[in-house]
Amino acid sequence: MTVQTESLAGVDIRAEIERLRKERNAVILAHYYQRPEIQDLADFVGDSLELSRKAADTDAEVIAFCGVKFMADTAKILSPNKIVVLPDMDAGCSLEDSCPPEMFRKFREAHPDHIALTYINCSTEVKALSDIIVTSSSAETILDQIPEDQKIIFGPDRHLGGYLNRKFDREMLLWPGVCVVHEAFSETELLKLKAQHPGAPVAAHPECPPTIVDHADYVGSTSGILAFAKSFPGDTLIVATEPHIIHQMERALPNKRFIGAPGADGNCNCNICPYMALNTLEKLYLSLRDLKPRVEIEESLRLDARKSLDRMLEMAAGTVGQGDLGAR
């Protein structure tokens, strides 16, 4: 979606968002990877699935999801009677893009004795083709409940799947997708940073490659990393995930220091998610004003996708989206 920002000259964007939030009976959700100015005005800040569940529990008629498309789709799956808007419909995900539904269908058909354990970072169509959806906070709990002799396809993130294989001594068949953000971290630069800050622990998202995860003192979801930041005893933490989560850490813990893990040249912005960055205050304002771009999902597809999400919620009660949700 292209925004003609010059047409908004003279508009008090924040004031208009506040007005439209009330007028539309809207709830604004922001993922931890959103720009700080979006996080600061959101009703809830958190992990993707937990945000969708939180919005479903409100009486809001409109959900404005400041995140990426699969997150907004998940909100629509859980709240079919609510209007769901995404400020920029081009805000996609490299993991979702890596796993086209028809290719995933053929992959499943080629391995009929496998169940599909699928990371939530995928399209609605792939969710509908899956048996159980997992999040980075629920994957371990769910995998621990699946018999060791049950063959499993895990997709679309090969790094998360590989981490689970190593931790549980499993041999899941991995789809070869990666997150472009977490793939960008450099082991060499991380080791330099650790040498500069001896004793500082490293918290890493399991979407990182093993060359990063192997140096981490804590591995977990975004909300899990935030919880670790609140509990570790030191004063400096190196954070190996999308750096906008540091905004929430600094708000909650102003006396601690948080350092984003570097990319290949030590100071590039390659670990900032280019898809998350597409959302802006101006686009959020326009989406609330016009109630578009609007997420729509055909009902039979939504119900098929809902089955794999419900299976996850049954198996992972109490672990999905562990960590605090920042409330406005």
Protein backbone atom coordinates (compact mmCIF):
# COMPACT_ATOMS: atom_id res chain seq x y z
CA MET A 1 0.00 0.00 0.00
CA THR A 2 1.48 3.37 -1.01
CA VAL A 3 0.77 6.29 1.29
CA GLN A 4 0.80 9.85 -0.05
CA THR A 5 2.10 11.45 3.10
CA GLU A 6 1.84 14.96 1.66
CA SER A 7 -1.96 14.61 1.75
CA LEU A 8 -1.73 14.35 5.55
CA ALA A 9 -0.08 17.73 6.00
CA GLY A 10 -1.62 19.54 8.95
CA VAL A 11 -3.18 16.39 10.39
CA ASP A 12 -2.38 15.62 14.03
CA ILE A 13 -1.83 11.91 13.43
CA ARG A 14 -1.73 10.84 17.06
CA ALA A 15 -4.83 12.82 17.98
CA GLU A 16 -6.69 11.38 15.01
CA ILE A 17 -5.68 7.83 15.94
CA GLU A 18 -7.03 8.43 19.44
CA ARG A 19 -10.28 9.81 18.03
CA LEU A 20 -10.71 6.93 15.60
CA ARG A 21 -9.81 4.35 18.23
CA LYS A 22 -12.85 5.48 20.23
CA GLU A 23 -15.12 6.17 17.25
CA ARG A 24 -14.44 2.76 15.66
CA ASN A 25 -14.39 0.87 18.98
CA ALA A 26 -10.98 -0.36 17.92
CA VAL A 27 -8.17 -2.14 19.71
CA ILE A 28 -4.64 -1.43 18.47
CA LEU A 29 -2.13 -4.28 18.69
CA ALA A 30 1.62 -3.90 18.25
CA HIS A 31 4.18 -6.65 18.01
CA TYR A 32 7.44 -6.21 19.91
CA TYR A 33 9.20 -5.63 16.57
CA GLN A 34 7.20 -2.50 15.74
CA ARG A 35 8.60 1.02 15.84
CA PRO A 36 8.66 2.51 19.37
CA GLU A 37 6.11 5.20 18.49
CA ILE A 38 3.62 2.49 17.47
CA GLN A 39 4.32 0.40 20.56
CA ASP A 40 3.72 3.47 22.76
CA LEU A 41 0.19 4.10 21.51
CA ALA A 42 -0.93 0.46 21.22
CA ASP A 43 -3.48 -1.00 23.61
CA PHE A 44 -1.39 -4.17 23.83
CA VAL A 45 2.21 -4.98 22.92
CA GLY A 46 3.34 -8.58 22.76
CA ASP A 47 3.85 -11.82 20.83
CA SER A 48 1.72 -12.41 17.76
CA LEU A 49 -0.63 -15.16 18.95
CA GLU A 50 -1.11 -13.75 22.44
CA LEU A 51 -2.08 -10.40 20.89
CA SER A 52 -4.71 -12.11 18.75
CA ARG A 53 -6.10 -13.94 21.75
CA LYS A 54 -6.14 -10.75 23.80
CA ALA A 55 -8.03 -8.90 21.06
CA ALA A 56 -10.54 -11.75 20.78
CA ASP A 57 -11.35 -11.31 24.47
CA THR A 58 -12.19 -7.62 24.10
CA ASP A 59 -15.48 -6.10 22.99
CA ALA A 60 -13.69 -4.18 20.24
CA GLU A 61 -15.36 -4.22 16.85
CA VAL A 62 -12.14 -3.41 14.98
CA ILE A 63 -8.66 -4.88 15.38
CA ALA A 64 -5.81 -2.80 13.99
CA PHE A 65 -2.86 -5.18 13.95
CA CYS A 66 0.51 -3.48 13.68
CA GLY A 67 2.57 -6.47 12.73
CA VAL A 68 2.77 -8.61 9.59
CA LYS A 69 0.13 -10.31 7.52
CA PHE A 70 0.18 -13.80 9.04
CA MET A 71 -0.40 -12.15 12.44
CA ALA A 72 -3.40 -10.18 11.21
CA ASP A 73 -4.69 -13.35 9.52
CA THR A 74 -4.44 -15.19 12.84
CA ALA A 75 -6.43 -12.43 14.52
CA LYS A 76 -9.14 -12.87 11.88
CA ILE A 77 -9.12 -16.66 12.35
CA LEU A 78 -9.78 -16.18 16.06
CA SER A 79 -12.16 -13.20 15.67
CA PRO A 80 -14.18 -13.77 12.46
CA ASN A 81 -16.87 -11.28 13.43
CA LYS A 82 -14.45 -8.42 14.00
CA ILE A 83 -13.03 -6.17 11.31
CA VAL A 84 -9.26 -6.72 11.11
CA VAL A 85 -7.06 -4.17 9.38
CA LEU A 86 -3.34 -4.24 8.68
CA PRO A 87 -1.77 -0.81 8.11
CA ASP A 88 0.30 -2.10 5.17
CA MET A 89 -0.79 -5.28 3.40
CA ASP A 90 2.73 -5.63 1.97
CA ALA A 91 4.02 -6.35 5.49
CA GLY A 92 4.79 -9.99 4.89
CA CYS A 93 7.23 -12.51 6.35
CA SER A 94 10.18 -14.33 4.82
CA LEU A 95 9.13 -17.53 6.59
CA GLU A 96 5.63 -17.36 5.17
CA ASP A 97 7.05 -16.58 1.72
CA SER A 98 9.41 -19.58 1.94
CA CYS A 99 6.51 -22.03 2.26
CA PRO A 100 3.99 -21.71 -0.61
CA PRO A 101 0.84 -23.71 0.19
CA GLU A 102 0.89 -25.87 -2.93
CA MET A 103 4.53 -26.83 -2.37
CA PHE A 104 3.76 -27.63 1.26
CA ARG A 105 0.77 -29.74 0.20
CA LYS A 106 2.95 -31.78 -2.16
CA PHE A 107 5.60 -32.15 0.55
CA ARG A 108 2.99 -33.52 2.93
CA GLU A 109 1.64 -35.89 0.30
CA ALA A 110 5.17 -37.21 -0.27
CA HIS A 111 5.44 -38.08 3.43
CA PRO A 112 2.02 -39.49 4.39
CA ASP A 113 3.33 -41.12 7.59
CA HIS A 114 4.40 -37.73 9.00
CA ILE A 115 2.28 -35.27 10.94
CA ALA A 116 2.84 -31.57 10.27
CA LEU A 117 4.00 -29.53 13.26
CA THR A 118 4.04 -26.02 11.83
CA TYR A 119 5.38 -22.76 13.18
CA ILE A 120 2.78 -20.02 13.38
CA ASN A 121 4.84 -17.85 10.99
CA CYS A 122 3.03 -19.25 7.95
CA SER A 123 0.03 -18.52 5.78
CA THR A 124 -3.56 -19.39 6.63
CA GLU A 125 -3.49 -21.96 3.83
CA VAL A 126 -0.46 -23.71 5.36
CA LYS A 127 -2.12 -23.65 8.79
CA ALA A 128 -5.10 -25.40 7.19
CA LEU A 129 -2.74 -28.08 5.83
CA SER A 130 -1.13 -28.62 9.24
CA ASP A 131 -1.98 -30.84 12.18
CA ILE A 132 -0.66 -28.68 15.01
CA ILE A 133 0.54 -25.08 15.02
CA VAL A 134 3.30 -24.10 17.44
CA THR A 135 4.75 -20.84 18.67
CA SER A 136 8.31 -20.37 19.86
CA SER A 137 6.99 -20.41 23.44
CA SER A 138 4.81 -23.54 23.05
CA ALA A 139 6.88 -25.69 20.68
CA GLU A 140 8.84 -27.51 23.38
CA THR A 141 5.75 -28.32 25.45
CA ILE A 142 3.94 -29.66 22.40
CA LEU A 143 6.84 -31.66 21.00
CA ASP A 144 7.34 -33.29 24.39
CA GLN A 145 3.81 -34.73 24.11
CA ILE A 146 4.32 -36.35 20.71
CA PRO A 147 5.53 -39.99 20.80
CA GLU A 148 9.16 -40.43 19.76
CA ASP A 149 8.20 -42.93 17.06
CA GLN A 150 5.81 -40.48 15.40
CA LYS A 151 7.42 -39.01 12.28
CA ILE A 152 7.11 -35.23 12.03
CA ILE A 153 7.42 -32.55 9.37
CA PHE A 154 8.46 -29.23 10.90
CA GLY A 155 8.23 -26.00 8.95
CA PRO A 156 8.75 -23.42 7.82
CA ASP A 157 11.72 -22.41 10.04
CA ARG A 158 14.62 -24.85 9.80
CA HIS A 159 16.54 -23.09 12.57
CA LEU A 160 13.73 -23.40 15.11
CA GLY A 161 13.15 -26.98 13.97
CA GLY A 162 16.86 -27.76 14.20
CA TYR A 163 17.04 -26.29 17.69
CA LEU A 164 14.16 -28.55 18.77
CA ASN A 165 15.76 -31.57 17.10
CA ARG A 166 19.00 -31.02 19.01
CA LYS A 167 17.31 -30.32 22.33
CA PHE A 168 14.92 -33.29 22.18
CA ASP A 169 17.14 -35.64 20.17
CA ARG A 170 14.48 -35.84 17.47
CA GLU A 171 14.79 -36.22 13.71
CA MET A 172 11.97 -34.05 12.43
CA LEU A 173 11.97 -33.51 8.69
CA LEU A 174 12.65 -29.79 8.27
CA TRP A 175 11.24 -27.40 5.69
CA PRO A 176 14.16 -25.18 4.53
CA GLY A 177 12.80 -21.72 5.45
CA VAL A 178 14.60 -19.04 7.46
CA CYS A 179 13.83 -15.63 8.94
CA VAL A 180 15.88 -13.00 7.11
CA VAL A 181 16.25 -10.99 10.33
CA HIS A 182 17.60 -13.77 12.54
CA GLU A 183 19.69 -15.19 9.72
CA ALA A 184 21.57 -11.86 9.56
CA PHE A 185 23.32 -12.11 12.93
CA SER A 186 27.07 -12.72 12.78
CA GLU A 187 28.85 -15.18 15.06
CA THR A 188 32.15 -13.34 14.61
CA GLU A 189 30.64 -9.99 15.56
CA LEU A 190 28.73 -11.54 18.46
CA LEU A 191 31.96 -12.97 19.88
CA LYS A 192 33.60 -9.55 19.57
CA LEU A 193 30.68 -8.02 21.43
CA LYS A 194 30.88 -10.64 24.18
CA ALA A 195 34.59 -9.89 24.58
CA GLN A 196 33.78 -6.19 24.97
CA HIS A 197 31.20 -6.98 27.65
CA PRO A 198 32.57 -9.92 29.64
CA GLY A 199 29.96 -11.52 31.82
CA ALA A 200 27.02 -10.10 29.87
CA PRO A 201 24.60 -12.94 29.01
CA VAL A 202 23.16 -13.42 25.54
CA ALA A 203 19.42 -13.92 24.99
CA ALA A 204 18.56 -15.33 21.55
CA HIS A 205 15.43 -16.22 19.64
CA PRO A 206 15.39 -19.84 18.38
CA GLU A 207 14.90 -18.54 14.83
CA CYS A 208 18.63 -17.68 14.97
CA PRO A 209 21.07 -20.13 13.37
CA PRO A 210 22.97 -22.53 15.66
CA THR A 211 26.11 -20.40 15.38
CA ILE A 212 24.24 -17.78 17.44
CA VAL A 213 22.04 -20.01 19.60
CA ASP A 214 25.08 -22.00 20.76
CA HIS A 215 26.47 -18.86 22.41
CA ALA A 216 23.21 -17.92 24.13
CA ASP A 217 22.58 -18.10 27.86
CA TYR A 218 18.83 -18.01 27.23
CA VAL A 219 16.90 -19.14 24.14
CA GLY A 220 13.21 -18.32 23.85
CA SER A 221 10.35 -16.38 22.32
CA THR A 222 10.17 -12.61 22.28
CA SER A 223 8.04 -12.52 25.43
CA GLY A 224 10.35 -15.10 27.00
CA ILE A 225 13.38 -12.94 26.20
CA LEU A 226 11.63 -9.96 27.79
CA ALA A 227 10.92 -12.03 30.90
CA PHE A 228 14.59 -13.10 31.03
CA ALA A 229 15.64 -9.44 30.76
CA LYS A 230 13.59 -8.73 33.87
CA SER A 231 15.04 -11.64 35.84
CA PHE A 232 18.76 -11.92 35.04
CA PRO A 233 20.94 -10.53 37.85
CA GLY A 234 23.41 -8.49 35.81
CA ASP A 235 23.15 -5.00 34.37
CA THR A 236 23.95 -5.67 30.68
CA LEU A 237 22.23 -8.03 28.25
CA ILE A 238 23.07 -8.82 24.63
CA VAL A 239 19.86 -9.36 22.66
CA ALA A 240 19.83 -11.54 19.51
CA THR A 241 16.44 -10.84 18.02
CA GLU A 242 14.81 -7.93 16.18
CA PRO A 243 16.08 -4.88 18.12
CA HIS A 244 12.78 -3.03 18.54
CA ILE A 245 12.02 -5.33 21.48
CA ILE A 246 14.70 -3.39 23.35
CA HIS A 247 12.24 -0.49 23.60
CA GLN A 248 10.08 -2.53 25.98
CA MET A 249 13.14 -3.63 27.95
CA GLU A 250 14.32 -0.07 28.40
CA ARG A 251 10.87 1.07 29.48
CA ALA A 252 10.59 -1.69 32.07
CA LEU A 253 14.22 -1.67 33.20
CA PRO A 254 15.76 1.80 32.77
CA ASN A 255 18.72 0.94 35.00
CA LYS A 256 19.88 -1.96 32.82
CA ARG A 257 21.73 -1.82 29.49
CA PHE A 258 20.54 -3.73 26.45
CA ILE A 259 22.72 -4.20 23.37
CA GLY A 260 21.42 -5.56 20.10
CA ALA A 261 23.50 -8.36 18.58
CA PRO A 262 25.30 -7.12 15.45
CA GLY A 263 24.98 -8.08 11.83
CA ALA A 264 27.75 -9.10 9.47
CA ASP A 265 29.65 -5.80 9.41
CA GLY A 266 29.14 -5.03 13.08
CA ASN A 267 26.83 -2.05 12.71
CA CYS A 268 24.40 -2.67 9.83
CA ASN A 269 20.64 -2.35 10.18
CA CYS A 270 20.15 -5.78 8.58
CA ASN A 271 18.62 -7.16 11.78
CA ILE A 272 15.70 -4.70 11.59
CA CYS A 273 12.71 -6.48 10.05
CA PRO A 274 11.96 -4.75 6.73
CA TYR A 275 8.37 -6.03 6.79
CA MET A 276 7.57 -4.77 10.29
CA ALA A 277 9.10 -1.42 9.30
CA LEU A 278 6.43 -0.91 6.62
CA ASN A 279 3.87 -0.01 9.28
CA THR A 280 3.87 3.66 10.27
CA LEU A 281 1.65 5.96 12.31
CA GLU A 282 0.36 7.51 9.09
CA LYS A 283 -0.65 4.13 7.68
CA LEU A 284 -2.24 3.15 11.01
CA TYR A 285 -4.29 6.35 10.92
CA LEU A 286 -5.45 5.69 7.34
CA SER A 287 -6.34 2.07 8.13
CA LEU A 288 -8.55 3.20 11.03
CA ARG A 289 -10.07 6.01 9.00
CA ASP A 290 -10.86 3.90 5.94
CA LEU A 291 -11.10 0.46 7.59
CA LYS A 292 -8.71 -0.92 5.03
CA PRO A 293 -6.58 -2.75 4.02
CA ARG A 294 -8.96 -5.30 5.50
CA VAL A 295 -8.13 -8.95 6.17
CA GLU A 296 -10.70 -11.35 4.72
CA ILE A 297 -10.57 -15.16 4.93
CA GLU A 298 -12.99 -17.56 3.26
CA GLU A 299 -14.96 -19.34 5.99
CA SER A 300 -14.13 -22.96 5.17
CA LEU A 301 -10.43 -22.07 5.00
CA ARG A 302 -10.67 -20.21 8.31
CA LEU A 303 -12.27 -23.19 10.01
CA ASP A 304 -9.62 -25.58 8.66
CA ALA A 305 -6.86 -23.30 9.91
CA ARG A 306 -8.59 -22.88 13.26
CA LYS A 307 -8.37 -26.65 13.88
CA SER A 308 -4.57 -26.65 13.98
CA LEU A 309 -4.55 -23.55 16.21
CA ASP A 310 -7.08 -25.10 18.59
CA ARG A 311 -4.97 -28.25 18.77
CA MET A 312 -2.01 -26.14 19.85
CA LEU A 313 -4.06 -24.34 22.49
CA GLU A 314 -5.26 -27.68 23.88
CA MET A 315 -1.74 -29.10 24.11
CA ALA A 316 0.02 -25.97 25.32
CA ALA A 317 -2.41 -24.50 27.84
CA GLY A 318 -0.53 -21.99 29.96
CA THR A 319 2.59 -21.79 27.78
CA VAL A 320 1.39 -19.91 24.68
CA GLY A 321 2.83 -16.40 24.71
CA GLN A 322 4.51 -16.77 28.11
CA GLY A 323 5.72 -13.46 29.44
CA ASP A 324 4.11 -10.15 30.16
CA LEU A 325 1.92 -8.29 27.73
CA GLY A 326 2.57 -4.60 27.82
CA ALA A 327 -0.77 -2.82 28.25
CA ARG A 328 -1.30 0.77 27.33
